[in-house]
Protein backbone atom coordinates (compact mmCIF):
# COMPACT_ATOMS: atom_id res chain seq x y z
CA MET A 1 131.04 116.16 43.24
CA SER A 2 131.41 115.18 39.59
CA PRO A 3 128.52 113.21 38.08
CA LEU A 4 131.12 110.65 37.12
CA HIS A 5 131.73 109.90 40.81
CA ARG A 6 128.39 108.62 42.05
CA PRO A 7 127.68 107.99 45.73
CA ALA A 8 127.82 104.34 46.75
CA GLY A 9 124.59 102.51 47.43
CA PRO A 10 121.32 101.96 45.61
CA PRO A 11 119.54 104.75 43.72
CA ALA A 12 117.23 106.99 45.71
CA LEU A 13 113.53 106.26 45.38
CA ILE A 14 111.68 109.46 44.47
CA ALA A 15 107.94 108.89 44.83
CA VAL A 16 106.10 111.30 42.56
CA ALA A 17 102.62 112.33 43.66
CA HIS A 18 100.31 114.50 41.61
CA GLY A 19 99.54 117.00 44.37
CA SER A 20 96.19 118.21 45.67
CA ARG A 21 94.61 121.09 47.56
CA ASP A 22 92.94 118.53 49.82
CA PRO A 23 94.72 118.84 53.20
CA ARG A 24 94.57 115.06 53.66
CA ALA A 25 96.64 114.34 50.56
CA VAL A 26 100.17 115.03 51.81
CA PRO A 27 99.74 113.18 55.14
CA THR A 28 98.31 110.19 53.25
CA VAL A 29 101.21 109.99 50.82
CA THR A 30 103.68 110.54 53.66
CA ALA A 31 102.16 107.58 55.53
CA LEU A 32 102.53 105.44 52.40
CA LEU A 33 106.21 106.33 52.13
CA ASP A 34 106.73 105.55 55.79
CA ARG A 35 105.54 102.02 54.98
CA VAL A 36 107.96 101.88 52.05
CA ARG A 37 110.84 102.88 54.34
CA ALA A 38 109.84 100.25 56.87
CA LEU A 39 109.95 97.58 54.16
CA ARG A 40 113.38 98.70 52.88
CA PRO A 41 115.42 100.16 55.77
CA GLY A 42 118.34 102.24 54.62
CA LEU A 43 116.90 103.11 51.24
CA THR A 44 116.69 106.83 50.53
CA VAL A 45 113.00 107.55 49.94
CA ARG A 46 111.87 111.07 49.09
CA LEU A 47 108.68 112.70 47.87
CA GLY A 48 108.15 115.11 44.99
CA HIS A 49 104.90 116.59 43.68
CA ILE A 50 104.04 117.45 40.11
CA GLU A 51 102.04 120.47 41.25
CA LEU A 52 100.09 122.10 44.09
CA ASN A 53 102.12 120.76 47.04
CA GLU A 54 105.66 121.04 48.35
CA PRO A 55 108.15 119.69 47.80
CA LEU A 56 107.80 119.94 44.05
CA LEU A 57 109.59 117.23 42.08
CA THR A 58 112.08 119.71 40.67
CA ASP A 59 113.02 120.83 44.18
CA THR A 60 113.41 117.24 45.37
CA LEU A 61 115.76 116.48 42.49
CA ASP A 62 117.70 119.70 43.05
CA ALA A 63 118.27 118.68 46.69
CA LEU A 64 119.99 115.41 45.75
CA PRO A 65 123.79 115.41 45.93
CA ASP A 66 125.69 115.81 42.68
CA GLY A 67 126.32 112.45 41.05
CA SER A 68 123.28 110.80 42.61
CA ASP A 69 121.25 108.03 41.03
CA ALA A 70 117.48 108.20 41.41
CA VAL A 71 114.40 106.31 40.29
CA LEU A 72 111.21 108.32 39.88
CA VAL A 73 108.25 106.14 40.85
CA PRO A 74 104.94 107.69 39.81
CA LEU A 75 102.18 107.23 42.38
CA LEU A 76 99.81 107.08 39.43
CA PHE A 77 98.05 104.04 38.07
CA ALA A 78 98.06 104.49 34.31
CA PRO A 79 100.09 106.17 31.59
CA GLY A 80 99.15 109.75 30.87
CA HIS A 81 100.74 113.11 30.22
CA HIS A 82 102.44 113.24 33.61
CA VAL A 83 104.04 109.80 33.21
CA THR A 84 104.94 110.08 29.54
CA HIS A 85 105.95 113.75 29.43
CA ASP A 86 106.40 115.53 32.76
CA LEU A 87 108.50 112.89 34.53
CA PRO A 88 110.88 112.17 31.63
CA GLN A 89 111.25 115.92 31.15
CA ALA A 90 112.15 116.36 34.83
CA ALA A 91 114.66 113.52 34.62
CA ALA A 92 116.25 115.03 31.52
CA ALA A 93 116.45 118.46 33.12
CA ALA A 94 118.29 116.98 36.11
CA ALA A 95 120.98 115.43 33.90
CA PRO A 96 123.92 115.36 33.81
CA ARG A 97 124.16 116.41 37.47
CA ILE A 98 122.18 113.34 38.52
CA ARG A 99 121.08 110.18 36.77
CA ALA A 100 117.29 109.75 37.02
CA ARG A 101 115.19 106.94 35.58
CA VAL A 102 111.39 106.83 35.41
CA ALA A 103 109.65 103.69 36.65
CA ALA A 104 106.43 102.31 35.23
CA PRO A 105 103.13 103.53 36.69
CA LEU A 106 101.49 101.33 39.31
CA GLY A 107 99.27 99.66 36.69
CA ALA A 108 96.73 96.85 36.94
CA HIS A 109 98.88 94.80 39.27
CA PRO A 110 97.36 92.16 41.60
CA LEU A 111 98.66 94.14 44.57
CA VAL A 112 96.38 97.01 43.52
CA VAL A 113 93.49 94.55 43.30
CA ASP A 114 94.24 93.38 46.86
CA ALA A 115 94.18 96.94 48.12
CA LEU A 116 90.98 97.87 46.28
CA ARG A 117 89.19 94.82 47.65
CA ASP A 118 90.31 95.63 51.19
CA ARG A 119 89.18 99.25 50.94
CA LEU A 120 85.74 98.11 49.73
CA THR A 121 85.48 95.71 52.66
CA GLU A 122 86.50 98.45 55.08
CA ALA A 123 83.74 100.63 53.64
CA GLY A 124 81.22 97.95 54.62
CA TRP A 125 80.46 96.58 51.16
CA ARG A 126 79.49 92.88 51.37
CA PRO A 127 76.53 92.28 49.05
CA PRO A 128 75.62 88.92 47.53
CA PRO A 129 77.11 88.60 44.04
CA ALA A 130 73.66 88.54 42.41
CA ALA A 131 72.83 92.04 43.70
CA GLY A 132 76.23 93.73 43.82
CA GLY A 133 78.03 96.02 41.44
CA VAL A 134 81.13 98.17 41.68
CA VAL A 135 82.22 101.29 39.85
CA LEU A 136 86.00 101.57 39.71
CA ALA A 137 86.66 105.31 39.75
CA ALA A 138 89.94 106.50 38.22
CA ALA A 139 91.30 109.89 37.24
CA GLY A 140 91.03 109.46 33.49
CA SER A 141 93.36 110.54 30.69
CA ARG A 142 93.35 111.13 26.96
CA HIS A 143 96.36 108.82 26.64
CA PRO A 144 95.22 105.77 24.62
CA GLY A 145 96.74 103.31 27.09
CA SER A 146 95.19 104.79 30.21
CA ALA A 147 91.65 103.46 29.82
CA ALA A 148 92.99 100.03 28.88
CA VAL A 149 94.84 99.81 32.20
CA THR A 150 91.75 100.82 34.16
CA ARG A 151 89.54 98.34 32.31
CA ARG A 152 92.05 95.56 32.96
CA LEU A 153 92.10 96.49 36.64
CA ALA A 154 88.28 96.44 36.72
CA ALA A 155 88.23 92.97 35.18
CA ARG A 156 90.71 91.64 37.72
CA LEU A 157 88.82 93.19 40.61
CA SER A 158 85.64 91.53 39.34
CA LEU A 159 87.36 88.15 39.48
CA ARG A 160 88.46 88.81 43.07
CA LEU A 161 84.88 89.72 43.99
CA ASP A 162 83.45 86.40 42.77
CA GLY A 163 82.25 87.76 39.47
CA VAL A 164 80.49 90.88 40.69
CA PRO A 165 80.46 93.27 37.72
CA VAL A 166 83.01 96.08 38.00
CA LEU A 167 82.76 98.98 35.55
CA ALA A 168 85.66 101.33 34.94
CA ALA A 169 84.70 105.01 35.14
CA TYR A 170 86.56 108.28 35.12
CA ALA A 171 86.58 111.59 36.93
CA SER A 172 87.84 113.48 33.87
CA ALA A 173 88.95 113.26 30.23
CA ALA A 174 87.30 109.90 29.48
CA ALA A 175 83.95 108.12 29.51
CA PRO A 176 81.93 106.82 31.19
CA THR A 177 81.78 109.14 34.16
CA VAL A 178 81.18 107.67 37.59
CA PRO A 179 77.46 108.69 37.63
CA GLU A 180 77.02 107.17 34.17
CA ALA A 181 78.55 103.87 35.30
CA VAL A 182 76.32 103.84 38.39
CA ARG A 183 73.26 104.27 36.17
CA GLU A 184 74.42 101.47 33.87
CA LEU A 185 74.76 99.04 36.78
CA ALA A 186 71.35 100.06 38.11
CA ALA A 187 69.84 99.44 34.67
CA ARG A 188 71.23 95.89 34.87
CA GLY A 189 69.27 95.36 38.06
CA ARG A 190 72.17 95.80 40.45
CA THR A 191 70.83 97.18 43.70
CA ASP A 192 73.94 97.24 45.92
CA ILE A 193 76.41 99.49 44.12
CA ALA A 194 79.69 100.66 45.63
CA VAL A 195 82.41 102.93 44.30
CA ALA A 196 86.03 101.76 44.53
CA SER A 197 88.60 104.55 44.61
CA CYS A 198 91.58 104.02 42.31
CA PHE A 199 93.44 107.00 43.73
CA THR A 200 96.57 107.11 45.85
CA ALA A 201 95.30 109.86 48.15
CA PRO A 202 92.28 112.07 48.79
CA GLY A 203 91.69 114.87 46.35
CA LEU A 204 89.08 116.54 44.18
CA PHE A 205 88.57 113.59 41.83
CA ALA A 206 88.31 111.06 44.65
CA THR A 207 85.83 113.25 46.52
CA ARG A 208 83.63 113.77 43.46
CA SER A 209 83.68 110.06 42.68
CA ALA A 210 82.69 109.12 46.23
CA ALA A 211 79.83 111.62 46.16
CA ALA A 212 78.30 109.75 43.22
CA ALA A 213 78.13 106.45 45.10
CA PRO A 214 74.58 105.27 45.88
CA GLY A 215 76.05 102.87 48.45
CA PRO A 216 79.44 102.49 50.14
CA ALA A 217 82.31 104.57 48.81
CA ALA A 218 85.74 103.11 49.47
CA ALA A 219 88.57 105.33 50.62
CA PRO A 220 91.55 105.99 48.34
CA ILE A 221 94.17 103.24 48.57
CA GLY A 222 96.59 105.41 50.56
CA PRO A 223 99.10 103.70 52.86
CA HIS A 224 97.89 100.16 52.21
CA PRO A 225 100.71 97.61 52.69
CA ALA A 226 100.12 96.18 49.22
CA LEU A 227 100.65 99.58 47.63
CA ALA A 228 103.90 100.07 49.54
CA ARG A 229 105.11 96.72 48.20
CA LEU A 230 104.16 97.72 44.66
CA VAL A 231 106.04 101.01 44.91
CA LEU A 232 109.17 99.02 45.75
CA ARG A 233 108.50 96.56 42.93
CA ARG A 234 108.31 99.39 40.38
CA TYR A 235 111.49 100.87 41.86
CA ASP A 236 113.32 97.54 41.66
CA GLU A 237 112.23 96.99 38.06
CA ALA A 238 113.52 100.39 36.98
CA ALA A 239 116.72 100.05 39.00
CA GLY A 240 117.45 96.62 37.54
CA ARG A 241 117.21 94.92 40.92
CA ALA A 242 115.81 91.42 41.42
CA THR A 243 112.15 91.20 42.39
CA ALA A 244 109.83 88.39 43.38
CA PRO A 245 108.27 86.68 40.33
CA VAL A 246 104.92 87.94 39.06
CA PRO A 247 102.18 85.32 38.53
CA GLU A 248 101.92 84.44 34.85
CA ALA A 249 98.38 85.80 34.57
CA TYR A 250 99.65 89.22 35.58
CA ALA A 251 102.87 89.27 33.63
CA SER A 252 101.78 92.35 31.67
CA ALA A 253 100.63 94.33 34.71
């Protein structure tokens, strides 16, 4: 089929996961995409990995029919090399056979805050605000905008937790590390410290971050309903489809 004759219907949603050697990672991401499909019946939803797991993103794009439209939705929270380089490069390599656009990363959206709060609650973390503290563990990146997103997410999570301090920390490439943030909270007199997991699925970074928790360690966000809704929001934004309005306070999320 010529690329000029595109199949009817909305663009395919290609969810792009990083990939992990953790055997729980692929089932977790698959469960998340099952929720996305349930929210948008009839939409073509496929998975591609940047590395380590099949299908790789390049293989997923190669499997699309000639002339297809696709939106690549990164299952990553902040800008970094994968979002700013690898995904646009994959989209460019697929052209002109298919038209592929790259959506924004998940970001510091209120839906992420909802999911993080729920995962902390599920982990059993319910301290009084005067004693509590949370370390928000994220992957980390040398990209200048990455830490800003994580800090903004930490600030919004703190508001949702009635002012409990939330410190952003990183598993790689940035400071502070998760153990350093735990020590900082302890030095402030916080005695009930939990680690929130700003990861889509289990993996090396999430496991290391959880191991540094002196108290409850929340699970990665995984197939939380709020994350499924956010994946569709990022898809709709990139595809030029109408979405529900974002509260003014979160307009830059």
